Amino acid sequence: MKRFFLIAGEPSGDMLGAALMAGLKQLEPDVVFSGVGGPLMQAQGLHSLFPMEELSVMGLAEVLPKYRQLMQRIRQTAAEVVQQSPDALISIDSPDFCLRVAKRVKAQSHVKTIHYVAPSVWAWRPGRAAKMARVIDHVLALLPFEPPLMQAAGMGCDFVGHPVVAEPQATHEQAQDFRTRHGINDTPLLLVLPGSRRGEVERLMPIFGETLRQLHKERPDLRIVLPAAPSVATRVQELVADWPIPPQLLNAADLPEKRAAFAAADVAVAASGTVSLELAAAGTPMVIAYKFNWLSWQIIRRMALTDTVTLVNLVSDSRVVPEFLGENCLPDKIASGVLDVLNNPQSQQEAMALTMERLGRDQEPPGLRAARAVLKAL
C-alpha cells in the first residue's frame, strides 16, 4: 500500500493534484492520500489538513499581513509529513510555500520529495533550479523542454504532459450555435482576454478599448466577445462602458460557453499567460499584449533569458504569435497585429497544432502519466 502526502495551494494546483490522484488510484487501487488541497482533490479522497484557500495569496502586500499564519502552516505541514512518513511528499506548484515545507521535511527525514510543475528557469532566474535541487528529488514537468534543465541541476525529471491537452473542446456545431445565439453569424469575431487579476485588467482594458477604436475604423463589422473572470466582472463591466464596439460579456466560469466562444472566434487579443495554450487548443489564432507595472518591466526585461513569453512560440520553436509587451503594448501596434492575423488566419495553425502535439495531445492523459512517473521515481 502506497501513501502520499500532497500539497496544492491554488485552484490550478488542485486540478493537477486531482488528476494525479485519479491516476494513482488507477495504478494503485489501495493508495492512501493526505495533505492540503481543494475541492477537486478532496473529491478524490483527500482530507485537507486545513483549507487550501489560506495559501492562495499573491504579492508582497497580500502576503505580509498573513506572514505569521503562513509560517505556522509551513511548520504544521512539515511536521505532519515527518510524522506520517509517507512514500513521497508531492508538492504542486506554489513554490513559496511548498519548497519551504520540503526544506523542513528534508532536514528531519528521508521522505522522497516530488514537485509537480517545474520553475520557469528557461525564462528567468536559472539559479532557482539549483536551489530547488537541495530539497526536491524529482520534478514532474509540464513542458517538453524542461527535463534537461532540471536534470542538469541535479534532480530527476519527467515530462508528463500539460493539462490543457486533456480539457474538453467545443465542437464546430457548438461554435456555430454560439454565433447564432449571439447574432454573430458570419461577421468576424474578436475574443478579448484581459486577464483575471484586477491589476492587469486595470492596465490592459483602456489599451484594449483604444485598440478597438482603431480596429472599428478598418473593420466596422467586427464583433467582440469578452469572457470575464467572476473576480473582476464588475470592474470589467465599468471599463467597457465607453468602448466603441460594445462587447458581449460572458462569465468565464461558465466553461461550456467559454469554450464555445474560443472555438467561434476568428482571432483573440490576450494577456500574456497560459491562456495562449487554451487558444491553441481551440485552434484560435492570437495576438499577445501585456503591460507590466514599471518596476516589474524593468526587472523582467533585464533578466529575461528568451525573446518571447508566449508558450505557443516556445513549445513550437517558432515566433508566429505576435507579442506587444511593455512599451510596445500600444493600441496602434496591437490593432495592426490583429488585422494581420485576421487577414492571414492560417499563419499560426501549424505552430498551434505542433504545440498541442508536443504537449501530449492524443497521448495518455497527463494525470495518468504523472502517476506513472511518481511510482517510477519511488
Protein backbone atom coordinates (compact mmCIF):
# COMPACT_ATOMS: atom_id res chain seq x y z
CA MET A 1 0.00 0.00 0.00
CA LYS A 2 1.43 3.36 -1.06
CA ARG A 3 0.86 6.55 0.95
CA PHE A 4 1.30 10.04 -0.45
CA PHE A 5 1.17 13.47 1.16
CA LEU A 6 0.12 16.08 -1.41
CA ILE A 7 0.11 19.88 -1.17
CA ALA A 8 -1.73 22.26 -3.52
CA GLY A 9 -2.08 25.96 -2.79
CA GLU A 10 -4.34 27.28 -5.55
CA PRO A 11 -7.11 26.11 -7.91
CA SER A 12 -4.76 25.22 -10.78
CA GLY A 13 -2.76 23.03 -8.40
CA ASP A 14 -5.96 21.46 -7.12
CA MET A 15 -6.80 20.44 -10.71
CA LEU A 16 -3.36 18.94 -11.27
CA GLY A 17 -3.48 17.16 -7.92
CA ALA A 18 -6.92 15.67 -8.54
CA ALA A 19 -5.88 14.28 -11.93
CA LEU A 20 -2.70 12.85 -10.42
CA MET A 21 -4.66 11.24 -7.58
CA ALA A 22 -7.08 9.69 -10.07
CA GLY A 23 -4.11 8.30 -11.99
CA LEU A 24 -2.51 6.89 -8.85
CA LYS A 25 -5.78 5.21 -7.84
CA GLN A 26 -5.97 3.64 -11.29
CA LEU A 27 -2.45 2.21 -10.95
CA GLU A 28 -2.51 1.50 -7.18
CA PRO A 29 -6.13 0.92 -6.08
CA ASP A 30 -5.30 0.80 -2.35
CA VAL A 31 -3.32 4.06 -2.33
CA VAL A 32 -3.85 6.41 0.65
CA PHE A 33 -3.73 10.21 0.46
CA SER A 34 -3.29 13.01 2.98
CA GLY A 35 -2.21 16.62 2.74
CA VAL A 36 -3.60 20.02 1.72
CA GLY A 37 -5.89 20.50 -1.26
CA GLY A 38 -9.07 21.98 -2.60
CA PRO A 39 -12.47 20.57 -3.54
CA LEU A 40 -11.24 18.55 -6.54
CA MET A 41 -8.54 16.77 -4.54
CA GLN A 42 -10.97 16.25 -1.67
CA ALA A 43 -13.39 14.60 -4.12
CA GLN A 44 -10.58 12.14 -4.92
CA GLY A 45 -10.27 11.19 -1.25
CA LEU A 46 -8.02 13.79 0.36
CA HIS A 47 -8.91 15.09 3.82
CA SER A 48 -7.27 18.53 3.80
CA LEU A 49 -5.19 19.44 6.84
CA PHE A 50 -6.56 23.00 6.59
CA PRO A 51 -8.43 24.99 3.91
CA MET A 52 -6.32 25.36 0.75
CA GLU A 53 -7.62 28.92 0.35
CA GLU A 54 -5.30 30.00 3.19
CA LEU A 55 -2.40 29.54 0.76
CA SER A 56 -3.98 31.32 -2.21
CA VAL A 57 -2.35 34.68 -1.61
CA MET A 58 -0.16 36.51 -4.13
CA GLY A 59 2.02 39.58 -3.98
CA LEU A 60 4.03 41.15 -1.18
CA ALA A 61 1.18 43.38 0.01
CA GLU A 62 -1.12 40.38 0.36
CA VAL A 63 1.44 38.04 1.95
CA LEU A 64 2.86 40.35 4.63
CA PRO A 65 -0.28 40.55 6.82
CA LYS A 66 -0.55 36.75 6.74
CA TYR A 67 3.16 36.01 7.11
CA ARG A 68 3.00 34.64 10.65
CA GLN A 69 -0.01 32.47 9.83
CA LEU A 70 1.68 31.11 6.69
CA MET A 71 4.86 30.30 8.61
CA GLN A 72 2.78 28.45 11.18
CA ARG A 73 1.12 26.47 8.39
CA ILE A 74 4.55 25.64 6.93
CA ARG A 75 5.72 24.28 10.28
CA GLN A 76 2.46 22.40 10.83
CA THR A 77 2.51 20.82 7.37
CA ALA A 78 6.15 19.78 7.55
CA ALA A 79 5.65 18.24 11.00
CA GLU A 80 2.67 16.28 9.69
CA VAL A 81 4.71 14.91 6.76
CA VAL A 82 7.55 13.86 9.06
CA GLN A 83 5.12 12.25 11.49
CA GLN A 84 3.29 10.32 8.73
CA SER A 85 6.48 9.37 6.84
CA PRO A 86 4.69 8.77 3.52
CA ASP A 87 6.26 7.13 0.46
CA ALA A 88 6.57 10.60 -1.01
CA LEU A 89 5.71 14.24 -0.43
CA ILE A 90 4.21 15.57 -3.67
CA SER A 91 4.09 19.37 -3.74
CA ILE A 92 2.21 21.05 -6.59
CA ASP A 93 3.36 24.45 -7.86
CA SER A 94 3.04 27.22 -5.15
CA PRO A 95 6.84 27.16 -4.65
CA ASP A 96 6.98 29.82 -1.93
CA PHE A 97 5.02 27.55 0.40
CA CYS A 98 5.82 24.09 -0.94
CA LEU A 99 9.61 24.38 -1.11
CA ARG A 100 9.74 25.74 2.44
CA VAL A 101 7.81 22.69 3.59
CA ALA A 102 10.12 20.39 1.59
CA LYS A 103 13.18 22.03 3.15
CA ARG A 104 11.92 21.30 6.67
CA VAL A 105 10.92 17.75 5.73
CA LYS A 106 14.37 17.02 4.24
CA ALA A 107 16.08 18.39 7.34
CA GLN A 108 14.17 15.96 9.58
CA SER A 109 13.56 12.83 7.48
CA HIS A 110 14.37 10.78 4.37
CA VAL A 111 10.95 11.24 2.77
CA LYS A 112 11.14 11.39 -1.03
CA THR A 113 10.16 14.83 -2.35
CA ILE A 114 8.48 15.27 -5.73
CA HIS A 115 7.48 18.66 -7.11
CA TYR A 116 4.82 18.99 -9.82
CA VAL A 117 5.40 21.98 -12.19
CA ALA A 118 8.98 22.96 -12.92
CA PRO A 119 10.06 26.54 -12.25
CA SER A 120 10.35 28.56 -15.47
CA VAL A 121 14.15 28.75 -15.31
CA TRP A 122 14.20 28.93 -19.13
CA ALA A 123 12.59 32.38 -18.85
CA TRP A 124 14.44 33.97 -15.93
CA ARG A 125 16.35 33.27 -12.69
CA PRO A 126 18.01 29.99 -13.77
CA GLY A 127 19.56 29.67 -10.31
CA ARG A 128 16.17 28.61 -8.94
CA ALA A 129 16.72 25.07 -10.23
CA ALA A 130 19.93 24.55 -8.24
CA LYS A 131 18.29 25.98 -5.13
CA MET A 132 15.30 23.71 -5.59
CA ALA A 133 17.55 20.65 -6.05
CA ARG A 134 18.65 20.97 -2.41
CA VAL A 135 15.19 19.92 -1.21
CA ILE A 136 13.49 18.23 -4.21
CA ASP A 137 14.40 14.78 -5.55
CA HIS A 138 12.19 14.62 -8.62
CA VAL A 139 10.19 17.03 -10.80
CA LEU A 140 7.09 16.47 -12.93
CA ALA A 141 7.34 18.93 -15.84
CA LEU A 142 4.51 20.39 -17.92
CA LEU A 143 6.70 21.49 -20.84
CA PRO A 144 8.77 19.14 -23.02
CA PHE A 145 11.99 21.19 -22.93
CA GLU A 146 12.16 21.35 -19.11
CA PRO A 147 13.59 17.92 -18.08
CA PRO A 148 17.18 18.58 -19.24
CA LEU A 149 17.20 21.85 -17.28
CA MET A 150 16.03 20.13 -14.10
CA GLN A 151 18.39 17.16 -14.58
CA ALA A 152 21.35 19.49 -15.08
CA ALA A 153 20.57 20.97 -11.65
CA GLY A 154 20.67 17.51 -10.05
CA MET A 155 17.03 16.44 -9.94
CA GLY A 156 15.24 13.62 -11.68
CA CYS A 157 12.57 14.92 -14.05
CA ASP A 158 9.82 13.55 -16.29
CA PHE A 159 7.75 15.44 -18.84
CA VAL A 160 4.19 14.31 -18.07
CA GLY A 161 2.15 16.44 -20.48
CA HIS A 162 0.29 19.70 -19.99
CA PRO A 163 -3.23 19.63 -18.52
CA VAL A 164 -4.55 21.78 -21.38
CA VAL A 165 -4.44 18.74 -23.69
CA ALA A 166 -6.96 16.90 -21.50
CA GLU A 167 -9.50 19.73 -21.39
CA PRO A 168 -12.66 19.28 -23.50
CA GLN A 169 -13.00 21.45 -26.60
CA ALA A 170 -16.12 22.85 -28.22
CA THR A 171 -17.24 21.18 -31.44
CA HIS A 172 -17.77 23.01 -34.73
CA GLU A 173 -21.50 22.72 -34.13
CA GLN A 174 -21.22 24.26 -30.66
CA ALA A 175 -19.15 27.12 -32.08
CA GLN A 176 -21.75 27.76 -34.78
CA ASP A 177 -24.54 27.61 -32.19
CA PHE A 178 -22.66 30.24 -30.13
CA ARG A 179 -22.51 32.56 -33.14
CA THR A 180 -26.21 32.03 -33.91
CA ARG A 181 -27.34 32.63 -30.31
CA HIS A 182 -25.39 35.88 -30.11
CA GLY A 183 -26.40 37.09 -33.59
CA ILE A 184 -22.83 36.99 -34.88
CA ASN A 185 -23.39 34.76 -37.93
CA ASP A 186 -20.53 35.20 -40.44
CA THR A 187 -19.12 38.52 -39.23
CA PRO A 188 -15.53 38.50 -37.88
CA LEU A 189 -15.35 37.78 -34.16
CA LEU A 190 -12.59 39.07 -31.87
CA LEU A 191 -12.09 37.48 -28.47
CA VAL A 192 -10.74 39.91 -25.85
CA LEU A 193 -8.97 38.34 -22.86
CA PRO A 194 -7.61 40.96 -20.43
CA GLY A 195 -6.66 38.51 -17.64
CA SER A 196 -8.23 37.55 -14.35
CA ARG A 197 -6.31 39.74 -11.89
CA ARG A 198 -7.54 43.23 -11.07
CA GLY A 199 -4.16 44.86 -11.67
CA GLU A 200 -3.74 43.52 -15.19
CA VAL A 201 -7.37 44.30 -16.03
CA GLU A 202 -6.86 47.92 -14.90
CA ARG A 203 -3.70 48.23 -17.01
CA LEU A 204 -4.92 46.46 -20.15
CA MET A 205 -8.60 47.39 -20.55
CA PRO A 206 -8.02 51.07 -21.51
CA ILE A 207 -5.39 49.94 -24.05
CA PHE A 208 -7.70 47.29 -25.49
CA GLY A 209 -10.53 49.83 -25.67
CA GLU A 210 -8.40 52.20 -27.75
CA THR A 211 -7.26 49.26 -29.88
CA LEU A 212 -10.91 48.54 -30.69
CA ARG A 213 -11.46 52.19 -31.57
CA GLN A 214 -8.76 51.88 -34.21
CA LEU A 215 -9.97 48.49 -35.42
CA HIS A 216 -13.50 49.83 -35.79
CA LYS A 217 -12.28 52.25 -38.46
CA GLU A 218 -10.90 49.38 -40.53
CA ARG A 219 -13.45 46.70 -39.69
CA PRO A 220 -16.77 48.26 -38.62
CA ASP A 221 -18.38 44.80 -38.88
CA LEU A 222 -16.12 43.40 -36.13
CA ARG A 223 -17.90 41.81 -33.16
CA ILE A 224 -16.37 41.47 -29.68
CA VAL A 225 -16.75 38.78 -27.02
CA LEU A 226 -15.11 39.18 -23.60
CA PRO A 227 -15.20 36.32 -21.07
CA ALA A 228 -14.69 37.99 -17.68
CA ALA A 229 -13.50 36.16 -14.59
CA PRO A 230 -16.04 36.48 -11.75
CA SER A 231 -13.43 38.18 -9.55
CA VAL A 232 -13.14 41.14 -11.96
CA ALA A 233 -16.51 41.02 -13.78
CA THR A 234 -17.95 44.16 -12.15
CA ARG A 235 -14.84 46.20 -12.92
CA VAL A 236 -14.72 44.89 -16.50
CA GLN A 237 -18.33 46.00 -17.00
CA GLU A 238 -17.41 49.50 -15.82
CA LEU A 239 -14.36 49.69 -18.06
CA VAL A 240 -16.15 48.66 -21.28
CA ALA A 241 -18.86 51.35 -20.89
CA ASP A 242 -17.17 53.70 -23.37
CA TRP A 243 -15.78 51.13 -25.80
CA PRO A 244 -16.65 51.91 -29.45
CA ILE A 245 -17.81 48.34 -30.08
CA PRO A 246 -19.91 47.09 -27.13
CA PRO A 247 -18.60 43.63 -26.25
CA GLN A 248 -20.69 40.60 -25.47
CA LEU A 249 -19.67 39.89 -21.85
CA LEU A 250 -19.54 36.26 -20.74
CA ASN A 251 -18.99 34.61 -17.37
CA ALA A 252 -15.59 32.93 -17.74
CA ALA A 253 -16.63 30.42 -15.08
CA ASP A 254 -19.28 29.08 -17.48
CA LEU A 255 -16.83 26.69 -19.13
CA PRO A 256 -19.06 25.32 -21.95
CA GLU A 257 -19.91 28.88 -23.05
CA LYS A 258 -16.29 30.00 -22.74
CA ARG A 259 -15.08 27.02 -24.80
CA ALA A 260 -17.71 27.74 -27.45
CA ALA A 261 -16.55 31.37 -27.61
CA PHE A 262 -12.91 30.29 -28.02
CA ALA A 263 -13.83 27.95 -30.86
CA ALA A 264 -16.11 30.52 -32.53
CA ALA A 265 -13.60 33.39 -32.55
CA ASP A 266 -11.59 34.33 -35.63
CA VAL A 267 -8.81 35.94 -33.61
CA ALA A 268 -8.02 36.77 -29.96
CA VAL A 269 -6.13 39.57 -28.26
CA ALA A 270 -5.00 38.19 -24.92
CA ALA A 271 -2.95 39.00 -21.87
CA SER A 272 0.27 37.02 -21.58
CA GLY A 273 -0.08 33.69 -19.79
CA THR A 274 -1.27 30.11 -20.17
CA VAL A 275 -4.36 31.41 -22.00
CA SER A 276 -2.22 31.16 -25.15
CA LEU A 277 -2.31 27.39 -24.74
CA GLU A 278 -6.09 27.41 -24.26
CA LEU A 279 -6.39 29.36 -27.51
CA ALA A 280 -4.03 26.98 -29.29
CA ALA A 281 -6.07 24.02 -28.05
CA ALA A 282 -9.15 25.63 -29.60
CA GLY A 283 -7.27 26.45 -32.80
CA THR A 284 -7.84 30.20 -32.37
CA PRO A 285 -5.05 32.46 -33.70
CA MET A 286 -3.96 35.18 -31.31
CA VAL A 287 -2.12 38.38 -30.56
CA ILE A 288 -0.50 38.69 -27.11
CA ALA A 289 -0.36 42.06 -25.36
CA TYR A 290 0.76 42.85 -21.83
CA LYS A 291 1.63 45.97 -19.87
CA PHE A 292 3.55 45.38 -16.65
CA ASN A 293 3.88 47.86 -13.84
CA TRP A 294 7.01 49.94 -14.47
CA LEU A 295 9.31 48.32 -11.90
CA SER A 296 8.37 44.76 -12.86
CA TRP A 297 9.03 45.52 -16.53
CA GLN A 298 12.48 46.99 -15.80
CA ILE A 299 13.42 43.85 -13.87
CA ILE A 300 11.94 41.39 -16.36
CA ARG A 301 13.47 42.95 -19.45
CA ARG A 302 16.94 42.80 -17.86
CA MET A 303 16.62 39.24 -16.51
CA ALA A 304 14.73 37.59 -19.37
CA LEU A 305 16.55 34.67 -20.99
CA THR A 306 14.27 34.28 -24.01
CA ASP A 307 13.00 36.60 -26.72
CA THR A 308 9.36 35.52 -26.33
CA VAL A 309 6.98 35.00 -23.42
CA THR A 310 4.30 33.13 -25.37
CA LEU A 311 4.24 29.39 -24.72
CA VAL A 312 2.98 28.63 -28.24
CA ASN A 313 6.11 30.29 -29.64
CA LEU A 314 8.36 28.50 -27.16
CA VAL A 315 6.92 24.99 -27.46
CA SER A 316 6.61 25.11 -31.26
CA ASP A 317 10.07 26.72 -31.54
CA SER A 318 8.57 29.42 -33.75
CA ARG A 319 7.77 33.10 -33.39
CA VAL A 320 4.48 33.24 -35.28
CA VAL A 321 2.37 34.67 -32.43
CA PRO A 322 2.91 38.46 -32.34
CA GLU A 323 3.66 39.99 -28.94
CA PHE A 324 3.25 43.58 -27.80
CA LEU A 325 4.87 43.88 -24.38
CA GLY A 326 5.91 46.72 -22.10
CA GLU A 327 6.47 49.91 -24.07
CA ASN A 328 5.26 48.13 -27.24
CA CYS A 329 1.84 47.46 -25.70
CA LEU A 330 0.32 50.27 -27.75
CA PRO A 331 -3.15 50.39 -29.37
CA ASP A 332 -1.92 51.14 -32.91
CA LYS A 333 0.58 48.27 -32.85
CA ILE A 334 -1.92 45.81 -31.34
CA ALA A 335 -4.60 46.83 -33.85
CA SER A 336 -2.18 46.31 -36.74
CA GLY A 337 -1.28 42.88 -35.35
CA VAL A 338 -4.95 41.88 -35.06
CA LEU A 339 -5.65 42.95 -38.65
CA ASP A 340 -2.63 40.98 -39.90
CA VAL A 341 -3.92 37.82 -38.21
CA LEU A 342 -7.48 38.42 -39.45
CA ASN A 343 -6.15 38.74 -42.99
CA ASN A 344 -3.94 35.66 -42.67
CA PRO A 345 -5.66 33.34 -40.16
CA GLN A 346 -3.68 30.27 -41.28
CA SER A 347 -0.35 31.77 -40.23
CA GLN A 348 -0.45 30.24 -36.74
CA GLN A 349 -2.29 26.97 -37.38
CA GLU A 350 0.78 24.78 -37.88
CA ALA A 351 2.51 26.15 -34.74
CA MET A 352 -0.65 25.70 -32.61
CA ALA A 353 -1.10 22.10 -33.79
CA LEU A 354 2.58 21.33 -33.17
CA THR A 355 2.33 22.87 -29.68
CA MET A 356 -0.59 20.62 -28.76
CA GLU A 357 1.20 17.57 -30.16
CA ARG A 358 4.36 18.34 -28.17
CA LEU A 359 2.33 18.96 -25.00
CA GLY A 360 0.81 15.47 -25.23
CA ARG A 361 -2.45 15.68 -27.16
CA ASP A 362 -3.76 12.22 -28.21
CA GLN A 363 -1.41 10.57 -25.74
CA GLU A 364 -2.07 9.13 -22.28
CA PRO A 365 -3.79 11.74 -20.04
CA PRO A 366 -1.30 13.93 -18.11
CA GLY A 367 -2.66 12.84 -14.71
CA LEU A 368 -2.01 9.19 -15.51
CA ARG A 369 1.42 9.98 -16.98
CA ALA A 370 2.25 11.91 -13.82
CA ALA A 371 1.11 8.96 -11.68
CA ARG A 372 3.38 6.58 -13.62
CA ALA A 373 6.28 9.00 -13.17
CA VAL A 374 5.66 9.21 -9.40
CA LEU A 375 5.66 5.43 -8.97
CA LYS A 376 8.74 5.09 -11.17
CA ALA A 377 10.54 7.77 -9.11
CA LEU A 378 9.99 5.75 -5.93
